[in-house]
Amino acid sequence: MLLICYHGEERSFDFKVSNTESGLTNEVLLNYTLSINLNTSVPVKATLYDITSGSEQNVNLSSNKTGNLTMNYGAEETRTYRLKLNWSSADNDVKYAGQQILCTIQLDGEQVVN
């Protein structure tokens, strides 16, 4: 995903993670992590929220990666996340002129069989 973000701005992107595909629901517990990869030298802060309930609930990021997240099995479940990128207006050095922010969201998951 390519987000254009200028100093003093905040941009957001919503995305979903589901345990269902093509009408089939996962039959085992799913553990996953989300990594926010920023390919830029621009001083951008990434913040991740779980907005499944309708309100923004902060998801802790350590080095732009979540801890272990879990999704149940047997019933369809979809989680909605909001990624916010913020470029502080104080960080407006000319060396950042014309720079774009390339951001990828990586999901690493594993099925857990008890």
PDB file of N, CA and C in Angstrom:
ATOM      1  N   MET A   1       0.854  -1.157   0.000  1.00  0.00           N
ATOM      2  CA  MET A   1       0.000   0.000   0.000  1.00  0.00           C
ATOM      3  C   MET A   1       0.903   1.223   0.000  1.00  0.00           C
ATOM      4  N   LEU A   2       0.562   2.194  -0.768  1.00  0.00           N
ATOM      5  CA  LEU A   2       1.311   3.439  -0.816  1.00  0.00           C
ATOM      6  C   LEU A   2       0.418   4.541  -0.277  1.00  0.00           C
ATOM      7  N   LEU A   3       0.818   5.110   0.854  1.00  0.00           N
ATOM      8  CA  LEU A   3       0.071   6.215   1.446  1.00  0.00           C
ATOM      9  C   LEU A   3       0.889   7.480   1.271  1.00  0.00           C
ATOM     10  N   ILE A   4       0.267   8.518   0.770  1.00  0.00           N
ATOM     11  CA  ILE A   4       0.919   9.810   0.679  1.00  0.00           C
ATOM     12  C   ILE A   4       0.622  10.542   1.977  1.00  0.00           C
ATOM     13  N   CYS A   5       1.668  10.910   2.677  1.00  0.00           N
ATOM     14  CA  CYS A   5       1.526  11.560   3.972  1.00  0.00           C
ATOM     15  C   CYS A   5       2.542  12.686   4.036  1.00  0.00           C
ATOM     16  N   TYR A   6       2.082  13.881   4.328  1.00  0.00           N
ATOM     17  CA  TYR A   6       2.944  15.044   4.425  1.00  0.00           C
ATOM     18  C   TYR A   6       3.141  15.402   5.888  1.00  0.00           C
ATOM     19  N   HIS A   7       4.198  16.193   6.165  1.00  0.00           N
ATOM     20  CA  HIS A   7       4.439  16.522   7.570  1.00  0.00           C
ATOM     21  C   HIS A   7       3.232  17.277   8.128  1.00  0.00           C
ATOM     22  N   GLY A   8       2.940  16.957   9.375  1.00  0.00           N
ATOM     23  CA  GLY A   8       1.783  17.550  10.025  1.00  0.00           C
ATOM     24  C   GLY A   8       0.486  16.819   9.738  1.00  0.00           C
ATOM     25  N   GLU A   9       0.560  15.708   9.010  1.00  0.00           N
ATOM     26  CA  GLU A   9      -0.648  14.971   8.643  1.00  0.00           C
ATOM     27  C   GLU A   9      -0.709  13.621   9.333  1.00  0.00           C
ATOM     28  N   GLU A  10      -1.924  13.124   9.408  1.00  0.00           N
ATOM     29  CA  GLU A  10      -2.166  11.755   9.844  1.00  0.00           C
ATOM     30  C   GLU A  10      -3.027  11.091   8.777  1.00  0.00           C
ATOM     31  N   ARG A  11      -2.632   9.918   8.356  1.00  0.00           N
ATOM     32  CA  ARG A  11      -3.400   9.140   7.381  1.00  0.00           C
ATOM     33  C   ARG A  11      -3.775   7.815   8.023  1.00  0.00           C
ATOM     34  N   SER A  12      -4.918   7.285   7.620  1.00  0.00           N
ATOM     35  CA  SER A  12      -5.337   6.000   8.177  1.00  0.00           C
ATOM     36  C   SER A  12      -5.797   5.068   7.076  1.00  0.00           C
ATOM     37  N   PHE A  13      -5.718   3.779   7.390  1.00  0.00           N
ATOM     38  CA  PHE A  13      -6.099   2.721   6.464  1.00  0.00           C
ATOM     39  C   PHE A  13      -6.762   1.624   7.279  1.00  0.00           C
ATOM     40  N   ASP A  14      -7.968   1.217   6.888  1.00  0.00           N
ATOM     41  CA  ASP A  14      -8.687   0.147   7.571  1.00  0.00           C
ATOM     42  C   ASP A  14      -8.529  -1.146   6.784  1.00  0.00           C
ATOM     43  N   PHE A  15      -8.369  -2.261   7.515  1.00  0.00           N
ATOM     44  CA  PHE A  15      -8.271  -3.578   6.876  1.00  0.00           C
ATOM     45  C   PHE A  15      -8.861  -4.628   7.811  1.00  0.00           C
ATOM     46  N   LYS A  16      -9.158  -5.804   7.245  1.00  0.00           N
ATOM     47  CA  LYS A  16      -9.818  -6.868   8.004  1.00  0.00           C
ATOM     48  C   LYS A  16      -8.999  -8.144   7.980  1.00  0.00           C
ATOM     49  N   VAL A  17      -9.140  -8.918   9.073  1.00  0.00           N
ATOM     50  CA  VAL A  17      -8.564 -10.246   9.191  1.00  0.00           C
ATOM     51  C   VAL A  17      -9.722 -11.170   9.543  1.00  0.00           C
ATOM     52  N   SER A  18      -9.851 -12.266   8.804  1.00  0.00           N
ATOM     53  CA  SER A  18     -10.987 -13.164   8.998  1.00  0.00           C
ATOM     54  C   SER A  18     -10.519 -14.612   9.076  1.00  0.00           C
ATOM     55  N   ASN A  19     -11.302 -15.441   9.765  1.00  0.00           N
ATOM     56  CA  ASN A  19     -11.001 -16.868   9.817  1.00  0.00           C
ATOM     57  C   ASN A  19     -11.848 -17.646   8.805  1.00  0.00           C
ATOM     58  N   THR A  20     -12.446 -16.934   7.860  1.00  0.00           N
ATOM     59  CA  THR A  20     -13.313 -17.548   6.854  1.00  0.00           C
ATOM     60  C   THR A  20     -12.873 -17.129   5.456  1.00  0.00           C
ATOM     61  N   GLU A  21     -12.881 -18.098   4.540  1.00  0.00           N
ATOM     62  CA  GLU A  21     -12.591 -17.797   3.139  1.00  0.00           C
ATOM     63  C   GLU A  21     -13.440 -18.715   2.262  1.00  0.00           C
ATOM     64  N   SER A  22     -14.055 -18.132   1.271  1.00  0.00           N
ATOM     65  CA  SER A  22     -14.896 -18.876   0.320  1.00  0.00           C
ATOM     66  C   SER A  22     -15.931 -19.741   1.032  1.00  0.00           C
ATOM     67  N   GLY A  23     -16.499 -19.208   2.113  1.00  0.00           N
ATOM     68  CA  GLY A  23     -17.544 -19.918   2.836  1.00  0.00           C
ATOM     69  C   GLY A  23     -17.052 -20.987   3.796  1.00  0.00           C
ATOM     70  N   LEU A  24     -15.737 -21.180   3.887  1.00  0.00           N
ATOM     71  CA  LEU A  24     -15.176 -22.175   4.797  1.00  0.00           C
ATOM     72  C   LEU A  24     -14.562 -21.471   5.999  1.00  0.00           C
ATOM     73  N   THR A  25     -14.891 -21.977   7.202  1.00  0.00           N
ATOM     74  CA  THR A  25     -14.400 -21.380   8.435  1.00  0.00           C
ATOM     75  C   THR A  25     -13.297 -22.251   9.020  1.00  0.00           C
ATOM     76  N   ASN A  26     -12.267 -21.604   9.525  1.00  0.00           N
ATOM     77  CA  ASN A  26     -11.140 -22.304  10.122  1.00  0.00           C
ATOM     78  C   ASN A  26     -11.630 -23.247  11.216  1.00  0.00           C
ATOM     79  N   GLU A  27     -11.079 -24.456  11.265  1.00  0.00           N
ATOM     80  CA  GLU A  27     -11.520 -25.467  12.227  1.00  0.00           C
ATOM     81  C   GLU A  27     -10.558 -25.646  13.394  1.00  0.00           C
ATOM     82  N   VAL A  28      -9.504 -24.837  13.444  1.00  0.00           N
ATOM     83  CA  VAL A  28      -8.570 -24.885  14.567  1.00  0.00           C
ATOM     84  C   VAL A  28      -8.242 -23.457  14.989  1.00  0.00           C
ATOM     85  N   LEU A  29      -7.719 -23.319  16.190  1.00  0.00           N
ATOM     86  CA  LEU A  29      -7.318 -22.027  16.721  1.00  0.00           C
ATOM     87  C   LEU A  29      -6.250 -21.409  15.824  1.00  0.00           C
ATOM     88  N   LEU A  30      -6.340 -20.108  15.592  1.00  0.00           N
ATOM     89  CA  LEU A  30      -5.376 -19.412  14.749  1.00  0.00           C
ATOM     90  C   LEU A  30      -4.640 -18.373  15.587  1.00  0.00           C
ATOM     91  N   ASN A  31      -3.333 -18.485  15.643  1.00  0.00           N
ATOM     92  CA  ASN A  31      -2.480 -17.474  16.256  1.00  0.00           C
ATOM     93  C   ASN A  31      -1.850 -16.679  15.134  1.00  0.00           C
ATOM     94  N   TYR A  32      -1.793 -15.348  15.296  1.00  0.00           N
ATOM     95  CA  TYR A  32      -1.182 -14.528  14.251  1.00  0.00           C
ATOM     96  C   TYR A  32      -0.572 -13.265  14.830  1.00  0.00           C
ATOM     97  N   THR A  33       0.355 -12.702  14.083  1.00  0.00           N
ATOM     98  CA  THR A  33       0.944 -11.405  14.403  1.00  0.00           C
ATOM     99  C   THR A  33       0.812 -10.525  13.171  1.00  0.00           C
ATOM    100  N   LEU A  34       0.783  -9.226  13.392  1.00  0.00           N
ATOM    101  CA  LEU A  34       0.762  -8.239  12.320  1.00  0.00           C
ATOM    102  C   LEU A  34       2.032  -7.406  12.426  1.00  0.00           C
ATOM    103  N   SER A  35       2.711  -7.233  11.302  1.00  0.00           N
ATOM    104  CA  SER A  35       3.907  -6.395  11.252  1.00  0.00           C
ATOM    105  C   SER A  35       3.649  -5.237  10.312  1.00  0.00           C
ATOM    106  N   ILE A  36       4.004  -4.049  10.751  1.00  0.00           N
ATOM    107  CA  ILE A  36       3.863  -2.837   9.946  1.00  0.00           C
ATOM    108  C   ILE A  36       5.260  -2.488   9.446  1.00  0.00           C
ATOM    109  N   ASN A  37       5.481  -2.657   8.149  1.00  0.00           N
ATOM    110  CA  ASN A  37       6.793  -2.420   7.560  1.00  0.00           C
ATOM    111  C   ASN A  37       6.764  -1.096   6.806  1.00  0.00           C
ATOM    112  N   LEU A  38       7.608  -0.175   7.242  1.00  0.00           N
ATOM    113  CA  LEU A  38       7.692   1.146   6.618  1.00  0.00           C
ATOM    114  C   LEU A  38       9.029   1.257   5.890  1.00  0.00           C
ATOM    115  N   ASN A  39       8.967   1.431   4.575  1.00  0.00           N
ATOM    116  CA  ASN A  39      10.161   1.564   3.759  1.00  0.00           C
ATOM    117  C   ASN A  39      10.393   3.051   3.494  1.00  0.00           C
ATOM    118  N   THR A  40      10.895   3.742   4.512  1.00  0.00           N
ATOM    119  CA  THR A  40      11.074   5.189   4.394  1.00  0.00           C
ATOM    120  C   THR A  40      12.054   5.676   5.444  1.00  0.00           C
ATOM    121  N   SER A  41      12.686   6.792   5.165  1.00  0.00           N
ATOM    122  CA  SER A  41      13.527   7.434   6.173  1.00  0.00           C
ATOM    123  C   SER A  41      12.773   8.571   6.851  1.00  0.00           C
ATOM    124  N   VAL A  42      11.533   8.805   6.417  1.00  0.00           N
ATOM    125  CA  VAL A  42      10.684   9.844   7.004  1.00  0.00           C
ATOM    126  C   VAL A  42      10.307   9.422   8.424  1.00  0.00           C
ATOM    127  N   PRO A  43      10.377  10.330   9.399  1.00  0.00           N
ATOM    128  CA  PRO A  43      10.049   9.990  10.789  1.00  0.00           C
ATOM    129  C   PRO A  43       8.541   9.873  11.001  1.00  0.00           C
ATOM    130  N   VAL A  44       7.994   8.735  10.635  1.00  0.00           N
ATOM    131  CA  VAL A  44       6.557   8.493  10.718  1.00  0.00           C
ATOM    132  C   VAL A  44       6.277   7.549  11.877  1.00  0.00           C
ATOM    133  N   LYS A  45       5.243   7.861  12.640  1.00  0.00           N
ATOM    134  CA  LYS A  45       4.826   7.000  13.745  1.00  0.00           C
ATOM    135  C   LYS A  45       3.628   6.174  13.302  1.00  0.00           C
ATOM    136  N   ALA A  46       3.708   4.866  13.502  1.00  0.00           N
ATOM    137  CA  ALA A  46       2.604   3.959  13.175  1.00  0.00           C
ATOM    138  C   ALA A  46       1.870   3.582  14.459  1.00  0.00           C
ATOM    139  N   THR A  47       0.546   3.657  14.410  1.00  0.00           N
ATOM    140  CA  THR A  47      -0.297   3.257  15.529  1.00  0.00           C
ATOM    141  C   THR A  47      -1.381   2.336  14.972  1.00  0.00           C
ATOM    142  N   LEU A  48      -1.641   1.236  15.670  1.00  0.00           N
ATOM    143  CA  LEU A  48      -2.620   0.256  15.213  1.00  0.00           C
ATOM    144  C   LEU A  48      -3.754   0.156  16.222  1.00  0.00           C
ATOM    145  N   TYR A  49      -4.979   0.117  15.702  1.00  0.00           N
ATOM    146  CA  TYR A  49      -6.169   0.008  16.538  1.00  0.00           C
ATOM    147  C   TYR A  49      -7.025  -1.157  16.059  1.00  0.00           C
ATOM    148  N   ASP A  50      -7.664  -1.839  17.006  1.00  0.00           N
ATOM    149  CA  ASP A  50      -8.710  -2.811  16.701  1.00  0.00           C
ATOM    150  C   ASP A  50     -10.017  -2.031  16.770  1.00  0.00           C
ATOM    151  N   ILE A  51     -10.732  -1.949  15.647  1.00  0.00           N
ATOM    152  CA  ILE A  51     -11.984  -1.184  15.617  1.00  0.00           C
ATOM    153  C   ILE A  51     -13.191  -2.092  15.397  1.00  0.00           C
ATOM    154  N   THR A  52     -13.020  -3.379  15.685  1.00  0.00           N
ATOM    155  CA  THR A  52     -14.094  -4.349  15.493  1.00  0.00           C
ATOM    156  C   THR A  52     -15.349  -3.964  16.260  1.00  0.00           C
ATOM    157  N   SER A  53     -15.183  -3.434  17.471  1.00  0.00           N
ATOM    158  CA  SER A  53     -16.335  -3.090  18.320  1.00  0.00           C
ATOM    159  C   SER A  53     -16.944  -1.740  17.969  1.00  0.00           C
ATOM    160  N   GLY A  54     -16.305  -1.003  17.050  1.00  0.00           N
ATOM    161  CA  GLY A  54     -16.815   0.311  16.680  1.00  0.00           C
ATOM    162  C   GLY A  54     -16.031   1.453  17.294  1.00  0.00           C
ATOM    163  N   SER A  55     -15.226   1.149  18.302  1.00  0.00           N
ATOM    164  CA  SER A  55     -14.366   2.178  18.899  1.00  0.00           C
ATOM    165  C   SER A  55     -12.908   1.764  18.708  1.00  0.00           C
ATOM    166  N   GLU A  56     -12.005   2.732  18.751  1.00  0.00           N
ATOM    167  CA  GLU A  56     -10.588   2.455  18.555  1.00  0.00           C
ATOM    168  C   GLU A  56      -9.973   1.923  19.845  1.00  0.00           C
ATOM    169  N   GLN A  57      -9.552   0.666  19.816  1.00  0.00           N
ATOM    170  CA  GLN A  57      -8.851   0.066  20.944  1.00  0.00           C
ATOM    171  C   GLN A  57      -7.410  -0.160  20.514  1.00  0.00           C
ATOM    172  N   ASN A  58      -6.488   0.482  21.216  1.00  0.00           N
ATOM    173  CA  ASN A  58      -5.080   0.429  20.847  1.00  0.00           C
ATOM    174  C   ASN A  58      -4.555  -1.004  20.872  1.00  0.00           C
ATOM    175  N   VAL A  59      -3.803  -1.372  19.828  1.00  0.00           N
ATOM    176  CA  VAL A  59      -3.105  -2.656  19.765  1.00  0.00           C
ATOM    177  C   VAL A  59      -1.628  -2.336  19.972  1.00  0.00           C
ATOM    178  N   ASN A  60      -1.036  -2.905  21.008  1.00  0.00           N
ATOM    179  CA  ASN A  60       0.362  -2.606  21.307  1.00  0.00           C
ATOM    180  C   ASN A  60       1.279  -3.075  20.190  1.00  0.00           C
ATOM    181  N   LEU A  61       2.195  -2.186  19.797  1.00  0.00           N
ATOM    182  CA  LEU A  61       3.211  -2.497  18.803  1.00  0.00           C
ATOM    183  C   LEU A  61       4.574  -2.385  19.460  1.00  0.00           C
ATOM    184  N   SER A  62       5.410  -3.360  19.229  1.00  0.00           N
ATOM    185  CA  SER A  62       6.804  -3.311  19.662  1.00  0.00           C
ATOM    186  C   SER A  62       7.644  -3.463  18.410  1.00  0.00           C
ATOM    187  N   SER A  63       8.424  -2.438  18.087  1.00  0.00           N
ATOM    188  CA  SER A  63       9.188  -2.406  16.824  1.00  0.00           C
ATOM    189  C   SER A  63       8.249  -2.630  15.637  1.00  0.00           C
ATOM    190  N   ASN A  64       7.074  -1.994  15.700  1.00  0.00           N
ATOM    191  CA  ASN A  64       6.038  -2.056  14.656  1.00  0.00           C
ATOM    192  C   ASN A  64       5.491  -3.463  14.427  1.00  0.00           C
ATOM    193  N   LYS A  65       5.487  -4.296  15.473  1.00  0.00           N
ATOM    194  CA  LYS A  65       4.922  -5.645  15.374  1.00  0.00           C
ATOM    195  C   LYS A  65       4.050  -5.902  16.594  1.00  0.00           C
ATOM    196  N   THR A  66       2.900  -6.555  16.356  1.00  0.00           N
ATOM    197  CA  THR A  66       2.005  -6.893  17.464  1.00  0.00           C
ATOM    198  C   THR A  66       2.557  -8.097  18.222  1.00  0.00           C
ATOM    199  N   GLY A  67       2.025  -8.297  19.387  1.00  0.00           N
ATOM    200  CA  GLY A  67       2.255  -9.552  20.085  1.00  0.00           C
ATOM    201  C   GLY A  67       1.373 -10.607  19.441  1.00  0.00           C
ATOM    202  N   ASN A  68       1.310 -11.763  20.040  1.00  0.00           N
ATOM    203  CA  ASN A  68       0.502 -12.853  19.504  1.00  0.00           C
ATOM    204  C   ASN A  68      -0.985 -12.537  19.647  1.00  0.00           C
ATOM    205  N   LEU A  69      -1.712 -12.602  18.549  1.00  0.00           N
ATOM    206  CA  LEU A  69      -3.160 -12.404  18.530  1.00  0.00           C
ATOM    207  C   LEU A  69      -3.810 -13.741  18.231  1.00  0.00           C
ATOM    208  N   THR A  70      -5.023 -13.953  18.726  1.00  0.00           N
ATOM    209  CA  THR A  70      -5.701 -15.241  18.564  1.00  0.00           C
ATOM    210  C   THR A  70      -7.077 -15.047  17.963  1.00  0.00           C
ATOM    211  N   MET A  71      -7.429 -15.963  17.067  1.00  0.00           N
ATOM    212  CA  MET A  71      -8.758 -15.972  16.471  1.00  0.00           C
ATOM    213  C   MET A  71      -9.340 -17.370  16.673  1.00  0.00           C
ATOM    214  N   ASN A  72     -10.565 -17.417  17.187  1.00  0.00           N
ATOM    215  CA  ASN A  72     -11.203 -18.690  17.495  1.00  0.00           C
ATOM    216  C   ASN A  72     -11.561 -19.471  16.233  1.00  0.00           C
ATOM    217  N   TYR A  73     -12.097 -20.630  16.435  1.00  0.00           N
ATOM    218  CA  TYR A  73     -12.462 -21.517  15.329  1.00  0.00           C
ATOM    219  C   TYR A  73     -13.920 -21.946  15.466  1.00  0.00           C
ATOM    220  N   GLY A  74     -14.441 -22.502  14.398  1.00  0.00           N
ATOM    221  CA  GLY A  74     -15.788 -23.055  14.433  1.00  0.00           C
ATOM    222  C   GLY A  74     -16.894 -22.071  14.105  1.00  0.00           C
ATOM    223  N   ALA A  75     -16.685 -20.798  14.353  1.00  0.00           N
ATOM    224  CA  ALA A  75     -17.668 -19.762  14.031  1.00  0.00           C
ATOM    225  C   ALA A  75     -16.948 -18.648  13.292  1.00  0.00           C
ATOM    226  N   GLU A  76     -17.620 -18.079  12.309  1.00  0.00           N
ATOM    227  CA  GLU A  76     -17.014 -17.008  11.515  1.00  0.00           C
ATOM    228  C   GLU A  76     -16.647 -15.826  12.408  1.00  0.00           C
ATOM    229  N   GLU A  77     -15.430 -15.331  12.217  1.00  0.00           N
ATOM    230  CA  GLU A  77     -14.957 -14.187  12.984  1.00  0.00           C
ATOM    231  C   GLU A  77     -14.158 -13.276  12.058  1.00  0.00           C
ATOM    232  N   THR A  78     -14.429 -11.998  12.140  1.00  0.00           N
ATOM    233  CA  THR A  78     -13.696 -11.006  11.358  1.00  0.00           C
ATOM    234  C   THR A  78     -13.310  -9.870  12.291  1.00  0.00           C
ATOM    235  N   ARG A  79     -12.052  -9.507  12.256  1.00  0.00           N
ATOM    236  CA  ARG A  79     -11.563  -8.372  13.036  1.00  0.00           C
ATOM    237  C   ARG A  79     -11.212  -7.244  12.071  1.00  0.00           C
ATOM    238  N   THR A  80     -11.543  -6.038  12.466  1.00  0.00           N
ATOM    239  CA  THR A  80     -11.236  -4.862  11.650  1.00  0.00           C
ATOM    240  C   THR A  80     -10.197  -4.026  12.382  1.00  0.00           C
ATOM    241  N   TYR A  81      -9.169  -3.661  11.647  1.00  0.00           N
ATOM    242  CA  TYR A  81      -8.071  -2.871  12.208  1.00  0.00           C
ATOM    243  C   TYR A  81      -7.955  -1.548  11.475  1.00  0.00           C
ATOM    244  N   ARG A  82      -7.430  -0.563  12.182  1.00  0.00           N
ATOM    245  CA  ARG A  82      -7.141   0.746  11.585  1.00  0.00           C
ATOM    246  C   ARG A  82      -5.675   1.071  11.864  1.00  0.00           C
ATOM    247  N   LEU A  83      -4.931   1.260  10.802  1.00  0.00           N
ATOM    248  CA  LEU A  83      -3.543   1.679  10.897  1.00  0.00           C
ATOM    249  C   LEU A  83      -3.487   3.175  10.674  1.00  0.00           C
ATOM    250  N   LYS A  84      -2.869   3.893  11.619  1.00  0.00           N
ATOM    251  CA  LYS A  84      -2.693   5.334  11.464  1.00  0.00           C
ATOM    252  C   LYS A  84      -1.207   5.633  11.357  1.00  0.00           C
ATOM    253  N   LEU A  85      -0.874   6.437  10.349  1.00  0.00           N
ATOM    254  CA  LEU A  85       0.491   6.920  10.177  1.00  0.00           C
ATOM    255  C   LEU A  85       0.480   8.409  10.451  1.00  0.00           C
ATOM    256  N   ASN A  86       1.401   8.863  11.300  1.00  0.00           N
ATOM    257  CA  ASN A  86       1.459  10.269  11.672  1.00  0.00           C
ATOM    258  C   ASN A  86       2.859  10.796  11.443  1.00  0.00           C
ATOM    259  N   TRP A  87       2.933  11.890  10.695  1.00  0.00           N
ATOM    260  CA  TRP A  87       4.197  12.576  10.445  1.00  0.00           C
ATOM    261  C   TRP A  87       4.093  13.916  11.152  1.00  0.00           C
ATOM    262  N   SER A  88       4.806  14.064  12.233  1.00  0.00           N
ATOM    263  CA  SER A  88       4.738  15.266  13.055  1.00  0.00           C
ATOM    264  C   SER A  88       5.115  16.510  12.262  1.00  0.00           C
ATOM    265  N   SER A  89       4.411  17.606  12.508  1.00  0.00           N
ATOM    266  CA  SER A  89       4.715  18.864  11.823  1.00  0.00           C
ATOM    267  C   SER A  89       6.080  19.401  12.237  1.00  0.00           C
ATOM    268  N   ALA A  90       6.611  18.934  13.358  1.00  0.00           N
ATOM    269  CA  ALA A  90       7.940  19.367  13.804  1.00  0.00           C
ATOM    270  C   ALA A  90       9.053  18.742  12.955  1.00  0.00           C
ATOM    271  N   ASP A  91       8.761  17.620  12.287  1.00  0.00           N
ATOM    272  CA  ASP A  91       9.758  16.919  11.463  1.00  0.00           C
ATOM    273  C   ASP A  91       9.602  17.320  10.005  1.00  0.00           C
ATOM    274  N   ASN A  92       9.971  18.564   9.684  1.00  0.00           N
ATOM    275  CA  ASN A  92       9.772  19.064   8.316  1.00  0.00           C
ATOM    276  C   ASN A  92      11.085  19.443   7.638  1.00  0.00           C
ATOM    277  N   ASP A  93      12.154  18.716   7.974  1.00  0.00           N
ATOM    278  CA  ASP A  93      13.468  18.964   7.386  1.00  0.00           C
ATOM    279  C   ASP A  93      13.398  18.826   5.864  1.00  0.00           C
ATOM    280  N   VAL A  94      14.135  19.670   5.160  1.00  0.00           N
ATOM    281  CA  VAL A  94      14.137  19.671   3.699  1.00  0.00           C
ATOM    282  C   VAL A  94      14.607  18.327   3.130  1.00  0.00           C
ATOM    283  N   LYS A  95      15.386  17.562   3.891  1.00  0.00           N
ATOM    284  CA  LYS A  95      15.858  16.267   3.395  1.00  0.00           C
ATOM    285  C   LYS A  95      14.711  15.278   3.166  1.00  0.00           C
ATOM    286  N   TYR A  96      13.525  15.559   3.731  1.00  0.00           N
ATOM    287  CA  TYR A  96      12.367  14.691   3.537  1.00  0.00           C
ATOM    288  C   TYR A  96      11.496  15.123   2.352  1.00  0.00           C
ATOM    289  N   ALA A  97      11.870  16.191   1.676  1.00  0.00           N
ATOM    290  CA  ALA A  97      11.064  16.721   0.565  1.00  0.00           C
ATOM    291  C   ALA A  97      10.911  15.670  -0.532  1.00  0.00           C
ATOM    292  N   GLY A  98       9.687  15.492  -0.995  1.00  0.00           N
ATOM    293  CA  GLY A  98       9.400  14.584  -2.094  1.00  0.00           C
ATOM    294  C   GLY A  98       9.402  13.113  -1.729  1.00  0.00           C
ATOM    295  N   GLN A  99       9.595  12.784  -0.473  1.00  0.00           N
ATOM    296  CA  GLN A  99       9.634  11.385  -0.058  1.00  0.00           C
ATOM    297  C   GLN A  99       8.219  10.824   0.062  1.00  0.00           C
ATOM    298  N   GLN A 100       8.078   9.564  -0.302  1.00  0.00           N
ATOM    299  CA  GLN A 100       6.814   8.868  -0.138  1.00  0.00           C
ATOM    300  C   GLN A 100       7.013   7.738   0.865  1.00  0.00           C
ATOM    301  N   ILE A 101       5.920   7.317   1.436  1.00  0.00           N
ATOM    302  CA  ILE A 101       5.963   6.273   2.450  1.00  0.00           C
ATOM    303  C   ILE A 101       5.371   5.000   1.860  1.00  0.00           C
ATOM    304  N   LEU A 102       6.187   3.962   1.775  1.00  0.00           N
ATOM    305  CA  LEU A 102       5.692   2.661   1.348  1.00  0.00           C
ATOM    306  C   LEU A 102       5.455   1.841   2.606  1.00  0.00           C
ATOM    307  N   CYS A 103       4.231   1.419   2.789  1.00  0.00           N
ATOM    308  CA  CYS A 103       3.855   0.689   4.001  1.00  0.00           C
ATOM    309  C   CYS A 103       3.244  -0.644   3.598  1.00  0.00           C
ATOM    310  N   THR A 104       3.766  -1.720   4.165  1.00  0.00           N
ATOM    311  CA  THR A 104       3.151  -3.027   3.964  1.00  0.00           C
ATOM    312  C   THR A 104       2.722  -3.575   5.316  1.00  0.00           C
ATOM    313  N   ILE A 105       1.637  -4.314   5.299  1.00  0.00           N
ATOM    314  CA  ILE A 105       1.139  -4.966   6.501  1.00  0.00           C
ATOM    315  C   ILE A 105       1.308  -6.460   6.272  1.00  0.00           C
ATOM    316  N   GLN A 106       2.076  -7.090   7.140  1.00  0.00           N
ATOM    317  CA  GLN A 106       2.366  -8.512   6.995  1.00  0.00           C
ATOM    318  C   GLN A 106       1.648  -9.280   8.090  1.00  0.00           C
ATOM    319  N   LEU A 107       0.938 -10.334   7.708  1.00  0.00           N
ATOM    320  CA  LEU A 107       0.271 -11.211   8.671  1.00  0.00           C
ATOM    321  C   LEU A 107       1.018 -12.539   8.664  1.00  0.00           C
ATOM    322  N   ASP A 108       1.497 -12.942   9.823  1.00  0.00           N
ATOM    323  CA  ASP A 108       2.122 -14.255   9.990  1.00  0.00           C
ATOM    324  C   ASP A 108       1.225 -15.050  10.910  1.00  0.00           C
ATOM    325  N   GLY A 109       0.737 -16.184  10.418  1.00  0.00           N
ATOM    326  CA  GLY A 109      -0.193 -16.969  11.216  1.00  0.00           C
ATOM    327  C   GLY A 109       0.179 -18.421  11.283  1.00  0.00           C
ATOM    328  N   GLU A 110      -0.343 -19.070  12.317  1.00  0.00           N
ATOM    329  CA  GLU A 110      -0.161 -20.509  12.451  1.00  0.00           C
ATOM    330  C   GLU A 110      -1.415 -21.104  13.074  1.00  0.00           C
ATOM    331  N   GLN A 111      -1.745 -22.291  12.616  1.00  0.00           N
ATOM    332  CA  GLN A 111      -2.869 -22.997  13.183  1.00  0.00           C
ATOM    333  C   GLN A 111      -2.377 -23.789  14.381  1.00  0.00           C
ATOM    334  N   VAL A 112      -3.168 -23.771  15.448  1.00  0.00           N
ATOM    335  CA  VAL A 112      -2.781 -24.456  16.683  1.00  0.00           C
ATOM    336  C   VAL A 112      -3.726 -25.627  16.890  1.00  0.00           C
ATOM    337  N   VAL A 113      -3.161 -26.810  16.909  1.00  0.00           N
ATOM    338  CA  VAL A 113      -3.960 -28.013  17.130  1.00  0.00           C
ATOM    339  C   VAL A 113      -3.673 -28.485  18.555  1.00  0.00           C
ATOM    340  N   ASN A 114      -4.722 -28.594  19.354  1.00  0.00           N
ATOM    341  CA  ASN A 114      -4.551 -29.026  20.758  1.00  0.00           C
ATOM    342  C   ASN A 114      -4.370 -30.500  20.866  1.00  0.00           C
TER     343      ASN A 114
END
